[in-house]
Amino acid sequence: KPNCFSGDHGISLEEQAPFGVIGAITPVTH
């Protein structure tokens, strides 16, 4: 979900961006 700010000095939008390549380790249990 984006997060928005609006006021006398305009608007700002915060968004959730990816990191890129993620390295993941998985267990034998699942």
PDB file of all heavy atoms in Angstrom:
ATOM      1  N   LYS A   1       0.837  -1.199   0.000  1.00  0.00           N
ATOM      2  CA  LYS A   1       0.000   0.000   0.000  1.00  0.00           C
ATOM      3  C   LYS A   1       0.873   1.251   0.000  1.00  0.00           C
ATOM      4  O   LYS A   1       1.795   1.366   0.814  1.00  0.00           O
ATOM      5  CB  LYS A   1      -0.906   0.040   1.246  1.00  0.00           C
ATOM      6  CG  LYS A   1      -1.784  -1.196   1.440  1.00  0.00           C
ATOM      7  CD  LYS A   1      -2.883  -1.294   0.410  1.00  0.00           C
ATOM      8  CE  LYS A   1      -3.799  -2.485   0.696  1.00  0.00           C
ATOM      9  NZ  LYS A   1      -4.817  -2.663  -0.360  1.00  0.00           N
ATOM     10  N   PRO A   2       0.604   2.223  -0.892  1.00  0.00           N
ATOM     11  CA  PRO A   2       1.367   3.471  -0.864  1.00  0.00           C
ATOM     12  C   PRO A   2       0.961   4.328   0.330  1.00  0.00           C
ATOM     13  O   PRO A   2      -0.128   4.195   0.874  1.00  0.00           O
ATOM     14  CB  PRO A   2       0.973   4.143  -2.183  1.00  0.00           C
ATOM     15  CG  PRO A   2      -0.392   3.605  -2.476  1.00  0.00           C
ATOM     16  CD  PRO A   2      -0.399   2.191  -1.961  1.00  0.00           C
ATOM     17  N   ASN A   3       1.858   5.209   0.715  1.00  0.00           N
ATOM     18  CA  ASN A   3       1.612   6.140   1.818  1.00  0.00           C
ATOM     19  C   ASN A   3       1.733   7.556   1.268  1.00  0.00           C
ATOM     20  O   ASN A   3       2.737   7.885   0.629  1.00  0.00           O
ATOM     21  CB  ASN A   3       2.639   5.905   2.930  1.00  0.00           C
ATOM     22  CG  ASN A   3       2.244   6.588   4.222  1.00  0.00           C
ATOM     23  OD1 ASN A   3       1.082   6.914   4.434  1.00  0.00           O
ATOM     24  ND2 ASN A   3       3.217   6.811   5.089  1.00  0.00           N
ATOM     25  N   CYS A   4       0.726   8.377   1.465  1.00  0.00           N
ATOM     26  CA  CYS A   4       0.691   9.709   0.847  1.00  0.00           C
ATOM     27  C   CYS A   4       0.682  10.811   1.890  1.00  0.00           C
ATOM     28  O   CYS A   4       0.124  10.658   2.989  1.00  0.00           O
ATOM     29  CB  CYS A   4      -0.544   9.853  -0.037  1.00  0.00           C
ATOM     30  SG  CYS A   4      -0.636   8.642  -1.359  1.00  0.00           S
ATOM     31  N   PHE A   5       1.302  11.941   1.536  1.00  0.00           N
ATOM     32  CA  PHE A   5       1.300  13.139   2.378  1.00  0.00           C
ATOM     33  C   PHE A   5       0.879  14.319   1.505  1.00  0.00           C
ATOM     34  O   PHE A   5       1.376  14.471   0.382  1.00  0.00           O
ATOM     35  CB  PHE A   5       2.692  13.397   2.961  1.00  0.00           C
ATOM     36  CG  PHE A   5       3.255  12.246   3.730  1.00  0.00           C
ATOM     37  CD1 PHE A   5       4.000  11.265   3.091  1.00  0.00           C
ATOM     38  CD2 PHE A   5       3.034  12.116   5.094  1.00  0.00           C
ATOM     39  CE1 PHE A   5       4.527  10.194   3.782  1.00  0.00           C
ATOM     40  CE2 PHE A   5       3.545  11.048   5.802  1.00  0.00           C
ATOM     41  CZ  PHE A   5       4.298  10.082   5.154  1.00  0.00           C
ATOM     42  N   SER A   6       0.001  15.128   2.008  1.00  0.00           N
ATOM     43  CA  SER A   6      -0.478  16.288   1.257  1.00  0.00           C
ATOM     44  C   SER A   6      -0.562  17.489   2.186  1.00  0.00           C
ATOM     45  O   SER A   6      -1.083  17.390   3.309  1.00  0.00           O
ATOM     46  CB  SER A   6      -1.857  15.982   0.657  1.00  0.00           C
ATOM     47  OG  SER A   6      -2.389  17.106   0.006  1.00  0.00           O
ATOM     48  N   GLY A   7      -0.008  18.630   1.753  1.00  0.00           N
ATOM     49  CA  GLY A   7      -0.034  19.816   2.602  1.00  0.00           C
ATOM     50  C   GLY A   7       0.248  21.074   1.818  1.00  0.00           C
ATOM     51  O   GLY A   7       0.218  21.091   0.583  1.00  0.00           O
ATOM     52  N   ASP A   8       0.572  22.147   2.520  1.00  0.00           N
ATOM     53  CA  ASP A   8       0.794  23.446   1.890  1.00  0.00           C
ATOM     54  C   ASP A   8       1.943  23.426   0.884  1.00  0.00           C
ATOM     55  O   ASP A   8       1.994  24.251  -0.036  1.00  0.00           O
ATOM     56  CB  ASP A   8       1.076  24.503   2.957  1.00  0.00           C
ATOM     57  CG  ASP A   8      -0.153  24.790   3.813  1.00  0.00           C
ATOM     58  OD1 ASP A   8      -1.271  24.485   3.355  1.00  0.00           O
ATOM     59  OD2 ASP A   8       0.012  25.293   4.940  1.00  0.00           O
ATOM     60  N   HIS A   9       2.874  22.513   1.073  1.00  0.00           N
ATOM     61  CA  HIS A   9       4.051  22.486   0.196  1.00  0.00           C
ATOM     62  C   HIS A   9       3.998  21.367  -0.829  1.00  0.00           C
ATOM     63  O   HIS A   9       5.013  20.846  -1.273  1.00  0.00           O
ATOM     64  CB  HIS A   9       5.326  22.383   1.028  1.00  0.00           C
ATOM     65  CG  HIS A   9       5.571  23.597   1.874  1.00  0.00           C
ATOM     66  ND1 HIS A   9       5.906  24.828   1.336  1.00  0.00           N
ATOM     67  CD2 HIS A   9       5.490  23.773   3.215  1.00  0.00           C
ATOM     68  CE1 HIS A   9       6.038  25.711   2.300  1.00  0.00           C
ATOM     69  NE2 HIS A   9       5.799  25.108   3.457  1.00  0.00           N
ATOM     70  N   GLY A  10       2.792  20.954  -1.221  1.00  0.00           N
ATOM     71  CA  GLY A  10       2.650  19.985  -2.293  1.00  0.00           C
ATOM     72  C   GLY A  10       2.276  18.599  -1.791  1.00  0.00           C
ATOM     73  O   GLY A  10       1.589  18.453  -0.780  1.00  0.00           O
ATOM     74  N   ILE A  11       2.731  17.590  -2.505  1.00  0.00           N
ATOM     75  CA  ILE A  11       2.392  16.216  -2.150  1.00  0.00           C
ATOM     76  C   ILE A  11       3.632  15.331  -2.201  1.00  0.00           C
ATOM     77  O   ILE A  11       4.593  15.607  -2.928  1.00  0.00           O
ATOM     78  CB  ILE A  11       1.317  15.622  -3.090  1.00  0.00           C
ATOM     79  CG1 ILE A  11       1.813  15.587  -4.536  1.00  0.00           C
ATOM     80  CG2 ILE A  11       0.013  16.388  -2.979  1.00  0.00           C
ATOM     81  CD1 ILE A  11       0.905  14.821  -5.473  1.00  0.00           C
ATOM     82  N   SER A  12       3.599  14.284  -1.395  1.00  0.00           N
ATOM     83  CA  SER A  12       4.658  13.272  -1.421  1.00  0.00           C
ATOM     84  C   SER A  12       4.009  11.892  -1.430  1.00  0.00           C
ATOM     85  O   SER A  12       2.964  11.677  -0.805  1.00  0.00           O
ATOM     86  CB  SER A  12       5.579  13.394  -0.201  1.00  0.00           C
ATOM     87  OG  SER A  12       6.316  14.596  -0.246  1.00  0.00           O
ATOM     88  N   LEU A  13       4.643  10.987  -2.137  1.00  0.00           N
ATOM     89  CA  LEU A  13       4.148   9.617  -2.226  1.00  0.00           C
ATOM     90  C   LEU A  13       5.269   8.652  -1.849  1.00  0.00           C
ATOM     91  O   LEU A  13       6.366   8.715  -2.407  1.00  0.00           O
ATOM     92  CB  LEU A  13       3.686   9.323  -3.661  1.00  0.00           C
ATOM     93  CG  LEU A  13       3.256   7.879  -3.963  1.00  0.00           C
ATOM     94  CD1 LEU A  13       1.973   7.535  -3.217  1.00  0.00           C
ATOM     95  CD2 LEU A  13       3.070   7.679  -5.463  1.00  0.00           C
ATOM     96  N   GLU A  14       5.003   7.791  -0.872  1.00  0.00           N
ATOM     97  CA  GLU A  14       5.946   6.750  -0.506  1.00  0.00           C
ATOM     98  C   GLU A  14       5.440   5.408  -1.029  1.00  0.00           C
ATOM     99  O   GLU A  14       4.281   5.048  -0.818  1.00  0.00           O
ATOM    100  CB  GLU A  14       6.133   6.668   1.010  1.00  0.00           C
ATOM    101  CG  GLU A  14       6.931   7.815   1.574  1.00  0.00           C
ATOM    102  CD  GLU A  14       7.201   7.662   3.060  1.00  0.00           C
ATOM    103  OE1 GLU A  14       6.528   6.850   3.722  1.00  0.00           O
ATOM    104  OE2 GLU A  14       8.097   8.381   3.561  1.00  0.00           O
ATOM    105  N   GLU A  15       6.325   4.695  -1.724  1.00  0.00           N
ATOM    106  CA  GLU A  15       5.955   3.391  -2.273  1.00  0.00           C
ATOM    107  C   GLU A  15       6.989   2.346  -1.869  1.00  0.00           C
ATOM    108  O   GLU A  15       8.138   2.659  -1.558  1.00  0.00           O
ATOM    109  CB  GLU A  15       5.847   3.478  -3.795  1.00  0.00           C
ATOM    110  CG  GLU A  15       4.704   4.364  -4.257  1.00  0.00           C
ATOM    111  CD  GLU A  15       4.544   4.330  -5.759  1.00  0.00           C
ATOM    112  OE1 GLU A  15       5.308   5.033  -6.443  1.00  0.00           O
ATOM    113  OE2 GLU A  15       3.660   3.608  -6.247  1.00  0.00           O
ATOM    114  N   GLN A  16       6.545   1.091  -1.889  1.00  0.00           N
ATOM    115  CA  GLN A  16       7.401  -0.026  -1.499  1.00  0.00           C
ATOM    116  C   GLN A  16       8.050  -0.606  -2.750  1.00  0.00           C
ATOM    117  O   GLN A  16       7.377  -1.193  -3.601  1.00  0.00           O
ATOM    118  CB  GLN A  16       6.583  -1.081  -0.757  1.00  0.00           C
ATOM    119  CG  GLN A  16       6.060  -0.569   0.592  1.00  0.00           C
ATOM    120  CD  GLN A  16       4.997  -1.477   1.172  1.00  0.00           C
ATOM    121  OE1 GLN A  16       3.882  -1.520   0.691  1.00  0.00           O
ATOM    122  NE2 GLN A  16       5.352  -2.202   2.226  1.00  0.00           N
ATOM    123  N   ALA A  17       9.352  -0.436  -2.847  1.00  0.00           N
ATOM    124  CA  ALA A  17      10.102  -0.840  -4.033  1.00  0.00           C
ATOM    125  C   ALA A  17      10.894  -2.113  -3.753  1.00  0.00           C
ATOM    126  O   ALA A  17      11.266  -2.386  -2.616  1.00  0.00           O
ATOM    127  CB  ALA A  17      11.060   0.279  -4.445  1.00  0.00           C
ATOM    128  N   PRO A  18      11.177  -2.902  -4.782  1.00  0.00           N
ATOM    129  CA  PRO A  18      11.956  -4.135  -4.582  1.00  0.00           C
ATOM    130  C   PRO A  18      13.418  -3.844  -4.295  1.00  0.00           C
ATOM    131  O   PRO A  18      13.928  -2.766  -4.594  1.00  0.00           O
ATOM    132  CB  PRO A  18      11.784  -4.866  -5.906  1.00  0.00           C
ATOM    133  CG  PRO A  18      11.531  -3.785  -6.908  1.00  0.00           C
ATOM    134  CD  PRO A  18      10.731  -2.745  -6.174  1.00  0.00           C
ATOM    135  N   PHE A  19      14.103  -4.835  -3.734  1.00  0.00           N
ATOM    136  CA  PHE A  19      15.547  -4.756  -3.526  1.00  0.00           C
ATOM    137  C   PHE A  19      16.305  -5.193  -4.771  1.00  0.00           C
ATOM    138  O   PHE A  19      17.319  -4.626  -5.125  1.00  0.00           O
ATOM    139  CB  PHE A  19      15.964  -5.643  -2.347  1.00  0.00           C
ATOM    140  CG  PHE A  19      15.864  -4.956  -1.016  1.00  0.00           C
ATOM    141  CD1 PHE A  19      14.667  -4.902  -0.332  1.00  0.00           C
ATOM    142  CD2 PHE A  19      16.965  -4.351  -0.443  1.00  0.00           C
ATOM    143  CE1 PHE A  19      14.566  -4.277   0.888  1.00  0.00           C
ATOM    144  CE2 PHE A  19      16.888  -3.707   0.776  1.00  0.00           C
ATOM    145  CZ  PHE A  19      15.688  -3.667   1.454  1.00  0.00           C
ATOM    146  N   GLY A  20      15.834  -6.267  -5.425  1.00  0.00           N
ATOM    147  CA  GLY A  20      16.542  -6.821  -6.566  1.00  0.00           C
ATOM    148  C   GLY A  20      16.592  -8.323  -6.460  1.00  0.00           C
ATOM    149  O   GLY A  20      15.551  -8.980  -6.331  1.00  0.00           O
ATOM    150  N   VAL A  21      17.798  -8.878  -6.460  1.00  0.00           N
ATOM    151  CA  VAL A  21      17.962 -10.317  -6.286  1.00  0.00           C
ATOM    152  C   VAL A  21      18.068 -10.621  -4.792  1.00  0.00           C
ATOM    153  O   VAL A  21      18.912 -10.056  -4.093  1.00  0.00           O
ATOM    154  CB  VAL A  21      19.225 -10.838  -7.006  1.00  0.00           C
ATOM    155  CG1 VAL A  21      19.380 -12.345  -6.787  1.00  0.00           C
ATOM    156  CG2 VAL A  21      19.161 -10.524  -8.496  1.00  0.00           C
ATOM    157  N   ILE A  22      17.206 -11.511  -4.320  1.00  0.00           N
ATOM    158  CA  ILE A  22      17.235 -11.919  -2.915  1.00  0.00           C
ATOM    159  C   ILE A  22      17.827 -13.323  -2.826  1.00  0.00           C
ATOM    160  O   ILE A  22      17.439 -14.223  -3.573  1.00  0.00           O
ATOM    161  CB  ILE A  22      15.825 -11.903  -2.299  1.00  0.00           C
ATOM    162  CG1 ILE A  22      15.269 -10.473  -2.297  1.00  0.00           C
ATOM    163  CG2 ILE A  22      15.843 -12.459  -0.880  1.00  0.00           C
ATOM    164  CD1 ILE A  22      13.860 -10.367  -1.740  1.00  0.00           C
ATOM    165  N   GLY A  23      18.751 -13.509  -1.906  1.00  0.00           N
ATOM    166  CA  GLY A  23      19.302 -14.825  -1.632  1.00  0.00           C
ATOM    167  C   GLY A  23      18.542 -15.458  -0.485  1.00  0.00           C
ATOM    168  O   GLY A  23      18.401 -14.852   0.580  1.00  0.00           O
ATOM    169  N   ALA A  24      18.025 -16.673  -0.695  1.00  0.00           N
ATOM    170  CA  ALA A  24      17.181 -17.308   0.316  1.00  0.00           C
ATOM    171  C   ALA A  24      17.681 -18.716   0.642  1.00  0.00           C
ATOM    172  O   ALA A  24      18.057 -19.471  -0.246  1.00  0.00           O
ATOM    173  CB  ALA A  24      15.732 -17.372  -0.156  1.00  0.00           C
ATOM    174  N   ILE A  25      17.657 -19.036   1.927  1.00  0.00           N
ATOM    175  CA  ILE A  25      18.018 -20.369   2.415  1.00  0.00           C
ATOM    176  C   ILE A  25      16.748 -21.023   2.945  1.00  0.00           C
ATOM    177  O   ILE A  25      16.009 -20.417   3.727  1.00  0.00           O
ATOM    178  CB  ILE A  25      19.060 -20.292   3.539  1.00  0.00           C
ATOM    179  CG1 ILE A  25      20.277 -19.476   3.098  1.00  0.00           C
ATOM    180  CG2 ILE A  25      19.468 -21.689   3.988  1.00  0.00           C
ATOM    181  CD1 ILE A  25      21.054 -20.072   1.964  1.00  0.00           C
ATOM    182  N   THR A  26      16.492 -22.265   2.533  1.00  0.00           N
ATOM    183  CA  THR A  26      15.287 -22.968   2.984  1.00  0.00           C
ATOM    184  C   THR A  26      15.664 -24.189   3.809  1.00  0.00           C
ATOM    185  O   THR A  26      16.714 -24.794   3.598  1.00  0.00           O
ATOM    186  CB  THR A  26      14.416 -23.392   1.788  1.00  0.00           C
ATOM    187  OG1 THR A  26      15.212 -24.174   0.880  1.00  0.00           O
ATOM    188  CG2 THR A  26      13.883 -22.180   1.057  1.00  0.00           C
ATOM    189  N   PRO A  27      14.801 -24.582   4.757  1.00  0.00           N
ATOM    190  CA  PRO A  27      15.122 -25.673   5.674  1.00  0.00           C
ATOM    191  C   PRO A  27      14.636 -27.029   5.175  1.00  0.00           C
ATOM    192  O   PRO A  27      13.762 -27.105   4.308  1.00  0.00           O
ATOM    193  CB  PRO A  27      14.349 -25.267   6.930  1.00  0.00           C
ATOM    194  CG  PRO A  27      13.110 -24.620   6.385  1.00  0.00           C
ATOM    195  CD  PRO A  27      13.543 -23.909   5.122  1.00  0.00           C
ATOM    196  N   VAL A  28      15.166 -28.090   5.737  1.00  0.00           N
ATOM    197  CA  VAL A  28      14.714 -29.433   5.397  1.00  0.00           C
ATOM    198  C   VAL A  28      13.323 -29.706   5.963  1.00  0.00           C
ATOM    199  O   VAL A  28      12.574 -30.521   5.430  1.00  0.00           O
ATOM    200  CB  VAL A  28      15.722 -30.487   5.909  1.00  0.00           C
ATOM    201  CG1 VAL A  28      15.773 -30.515   7.434  1.00  0.00           C
ATOM    202  CG2 VAL A  28      15.386 -31.874   5.366  1.00  0.00           C
ATOM    203  N   THR A  29      12.953 -28.991   7.022  1.00  0.00           N
ATOM    204  CA  THR A  29      11.666 -29.250   7.679  1.00  0.00           C
ATOM    205  C   THR A  29      10.470 -28.880   6.816  1.00  0.00           C
ATOM    206  O   THR A  29       9.420 -29.512   6.905  1.00  0.00           O
ATOM    207  CB  THR A  29      11.599 -28.471   9.003  1.00  0.00           C
ATOM    208  OG1 THR A  29      11.987 -27.110   8.768  1.00  0.00           O
ATOM    209  CG2 THR A  29      12.532 -29.079  10.043  1.00  0.00           C
ATOM    210  N   HIS A  30      10.610 -27.851   5.995  1.00  0.00           N
ATOM    211  CA  HIS A  30       9.522 -27.415   5.106  1.00  0.00           C
ATOM    212  C   HIS A  30      10.158 -26.918   3.809  1.00  0.00           C
ATOM    213  O   HIS A  30      10.099 -25.737   3.500  1.00  0.00           O
ATOM    214  CB  HIS A  30       8.677 -26.300   5.723  1.00  0.00           C
ATOM    215  CG  HIS A  30       8.592 -26.339   7.212  1.00  0.00           C
ATOM    216  ND1 HIS A  30       7.826 -27.254   7.878  1.00  0.00           N
ATOM    217  CD2 HIS A  30       9.192 -25.592   8.162  1.00  0.00           C
ATOM    218  CE1 HIS A  30       7.941 -27.064   9.187  1.00  0.00           C
ATOM    219  NE2 HIS A  30       8.773 -26.067   9.377  1.00  0.00           N
TER     220      HIS A  30
END
